[in-house]
Amino acid sequence: MTTALAGAELAGRINGAHPGAIVEWNDRDVWTEPHNLRAVCLFLKDTPGLDFSFLTAISAVDYVEHFELVYHLLSMRLNQSTVVKTRCYGRDEPEAPSVLDLWRGAELQEREIWDLMGIRFESHPNLKRVLLWEGYPGHPLRKDYLR
């Protein structure tokens, strides 16, 4: 069975390498600011003893006052999992850094989030709609979508 790393333990390790990168944690998750997301993900992927080499999923949640991006990571070598979250503020142009260069599996997941939620991923080389057609008005999974 896969073991979920405790949020407090993981926060301590990440903040030890990148002071202040983790701003919140609980039993299962850690939260970082969008500008620290890439550094945190790179640390989780490349650090011996963590080795989160597989991105299981990225999802987005609309909480009206902010969007939350949720990254599910897996270390197949160590049989461990973790969840990293970040909040994007602003309804007009929410943005987060792309992790496509860290995990190729992020390509379609980031495109889908852009398509349905309207969160732009900086440095994504092919950020275009994947489910809806170009020119579609809006992003239908947002809570403020009126169609």
Protein backbone atom coordinates (compact mmCIF):
# COMPACT_ATOMS: atom_id res chain seq x y z
CA MET A 1 0.00 0.00 0.00
CA THR A 2 1.25 3.50 -0.84
CA THR A 3 2.23 5.61 2.17
CA ALA A 4 1.16 9.26 2.25
CA LEU A 5 3.91 11.48 3.59
CA ALA A 6 2.79 13.58 6.56
CA GLY A 7 2.39 17.25 5.69
CA ALA A 8 4.38 18.47 8.71
CA GLU A 9 7.37 16.24 7.88
CA LEU A 10 7.32 17.27 4.24
CA ALA A 11 6.89 20.97 5.08
CA GLY A 12 9.93 20.76 7.34
CA ARG A 13 12.09 19.19 4.64
CA ILE A 14 11.00 21.65 1.97
CA ASN A 15 11.33 24.70 4.21
CA GLY A 16 14.76 23.46 5.27
CA ALA A 17 15.92 23.67 1.65
CA HIS A 18 13.73 26.61 0.59
CA PRO A 19 12.92 28.73 3.66
CA GLY A 20 9.34 29.99 3.66
CA ALA A 21 8.32 28.05 0.54
CA ILE A 22 5.63 26.10 2.40
CA VAL A 23 3.14 28.48 3.98
CA GLU A 24 0.59 25.96 5.32
CA TRP A 25 0.26 22.23 5.90
CA ASN A 26 -1.99 19.63 7.46
CA ASP A 27 -1.83 15.85 7.90
CA ARG A 28 -1.87 15.18 4.15
CA ASP A 29 -1.09 18.34 2.17
CA VAL A 30 1.33 21.24 1.87
CA TRP A 31 0.55 24.67 0.41
CA THR A 32 2.96 26.94 -1.40
CA GLU A 33 2.63 30.27 -3.16
CA PRO A 34 2.55 30.12 -6.98
CA HIS A 35 5.96 31.81 -7.29
CA ASN A 36 7.51 28.96 -5.21
CA LEU A 37 5.65 26.10 -6.93
CA ARG A 38 8.38 25.16 -9.42
CA ALA A 39 11.13 25.18 -6.79
CA VAL A 40 9.02 23.01 -4.47
CA CYS A 41 8.15 20.56 -7.26
CA LEU A 42 11.77 20.35 -8.43
CA PHE A 43 12.87 19.67 -4.85
CA LEU A 44 10.25 16.92 -4.46
CA LYS A 45 11.25 15.32 -7.75
CA ASP A 46 15.04 15.47 -7.45
CA THR A 47 15.73 15.00 -3.74
CA PRO A 48 16.96 11.54 -2.73
CA GLY A 49 14.60 10.06 -0.19
CA LEU A 50 11.64 11.81 -1.81
CA ASP A 51 11.95 10.98 -5.54
CA PHE A 52 8.44 12.09 -6.61
CA SER A 53 9.08 11.22 -10.23
CA PHE A 54 5.44 10.72 -11.23
CA LEU A 55 2.74 13.38 -11.48
CA THR A 56 -0.50 11.47 -10.95
CA ALA A 57 -2.90 14.37 -11.46
CA ILE A 58 -3.38 18.11 -11.45
CA SER A 59 -6.81 19.47 -10.67
CA ALA A 60 -8.28 22.91 -10.08
CA VAL A 61 -11.02 24.03 -7.71
CA ASP A 62 -12.92 27.32 -7.92
CA TYR A 63 -13.57 28.73 -4.43
CA VAL A 64 -14.88 32.03 -5.91
CA GLU A 65 -12.39 34.18 -3.93
CA HIS A 66 -9.49 32.13 -5.34
CA PHE A 67 -8.63 29.09 -7.44
CA GLU A 68 -6.72 26.20 -5.92
CA LEU A 69 -4.42 23.96 -7.94
CA VAL A 70 -3.88 20.48 -6.51
CA TYR A 71 -0.87 18.38 -7.54
CA HIS A 72 -0.89 14.66 -6.67
CA LEU A 73 2.64 13.24 -6.75
CA LEU A 74 3.89 9.68 -6.44
CA SER A 75 7.27 8.13 -5.74
CA MET A 76 7.01 4.70 -7.30
CA ARG A 77 10.50 3.79 -6.10
CA LEU A 78 9.66 4.56 -2.45
CA ASN A 79 5.92 3.83 -2.67
CA GLN A 80 5.02 7.24 -1.23
CA SER A 81 2.54 9.90 -2.24
CA THR A 82 1.98 13.54 -1.43
CA VAL A 83 -0.25 16.46 -2.36
CA VAL A 84 0.99 19.98 -3.09
CA LYS A 85 -1.50 22.84 -3.36
CA THR A 86 -1.28 26.46 -4.41
CA ARG A 87 -3.81 29.29 -4.58
CA CYS A 88 -4.24 31.61 -7.54
CA TYR A 89 -5.99 34.90 -6.84
CA GLY A 90 -7.80 37.10 -9.34
CA ARG A 91 -10.69 36.13 -11.58
CA ASP A 92 -9.45 37.98 -14.66
CA GLU A 93 -6.08 36.35 -15.33
CA PRO A 94 -5.23 33.65 -12.80
CA GLU A 95 -1.78 32.27 -13.45
CA ALA A 96 0.63 29.63 -12.18
CA PRO A 97 3.95 28.30 -13.44
CA SER A 98 3.92 25.26 -15.69
CA VAL A 99 5.50 22.03 -14.44
CA LEU A 100 5.56 20.52 -17.91
CA ASP A 101 9.36 20.51 -18.05
CA LEU A 102 9.42 18.49 -14.79
CA TRP A 103 6.68 16.00 -15.69
CA ARG A 104 5.64 15.50 -19.32
CA GLY A 105 2.28 14.22 -18.07
CA ALA A 106 1.38 17.79 -17.13
CA GLU A 107 0.86 18.82 -20.76
CA LEU A 108 -2.76 17.76 -21.27
CA GLN A 109 -3.70 18.33 -17.63
CA GLU A 110 -2.56 21.97 -17.74
CA ARG A 111 -4.32 22.45 -21.09
CA GLU A 112 -7.53 20.99 -19.68
CA ILE A 113 -7.38 23.29 -16.65
CA TRP A 114 -6.79 26.28 -18.95
CA ASP A 115 -9.70 25.20 -21.15
CA LEU A 116 -12.26 24.59 -18.41
CA MET A 117 -11.11 26.92 -15.59
CA GLY A 118 -9.13 29.65 -17.36
CA ILE A 119 -5.94 29.35 -15.29
CA ARG A 120 -2.97 30.24 -17.49
CA PHE A 121 0.25 28.26 -17.06
CA GLU A 122 3.37 30.37 -17.61
CA SER A 123 5.91 28.82 -19.99
CA HIS A 124 3.53 26.16 -21.29
CA PRO A 125 4.57 25.80 -24.96
CA ASN A 126 1.16 24.82 -26.36
CA LEU A 127 -1.53 26.28 -24.11
CA LYS A 128 -4.65 25.93 -26.22
CA ARG A 129 -8.06 24.41 -25.70
CA VAL A 130 -8.20 20.63 -25.60
CA LEU A 131 -11.93 19.89 -25.03
CA LEU A 132 -13.66 22.98 -26.39
CA TRP A 133 -13.01 24.81 -29.64
CA GLU A 134 -10.84 27.91 -29.98
CA GLY A 135 -13.00 30.98 -29.56
CA TYR A 136 -15.37 29.33 -27.10
CA PRO A 137 -16.68 32.07 -24.80
CA GLY A 138 -15.44 31.53 -21.25
CA HIS A 139 -14.40 28.61 -19.11
CA PRO A 140 -17.39 26.40 -18.19
CA LEU A 141 -16.18 24.91 -14.88
CA ARG A 142 -15.89 28.31 -13.22
CA LYS A 143 -18.58 29.13 -10.69
CA ASP A 144 -19.18 32.49 -12.39
CA TYR A 145 -19.79 30.91 -15.82
CA LEU A 146 -23.29 31.91 -16.92
CA ARG A 147 -24.04 29.89 -20.06
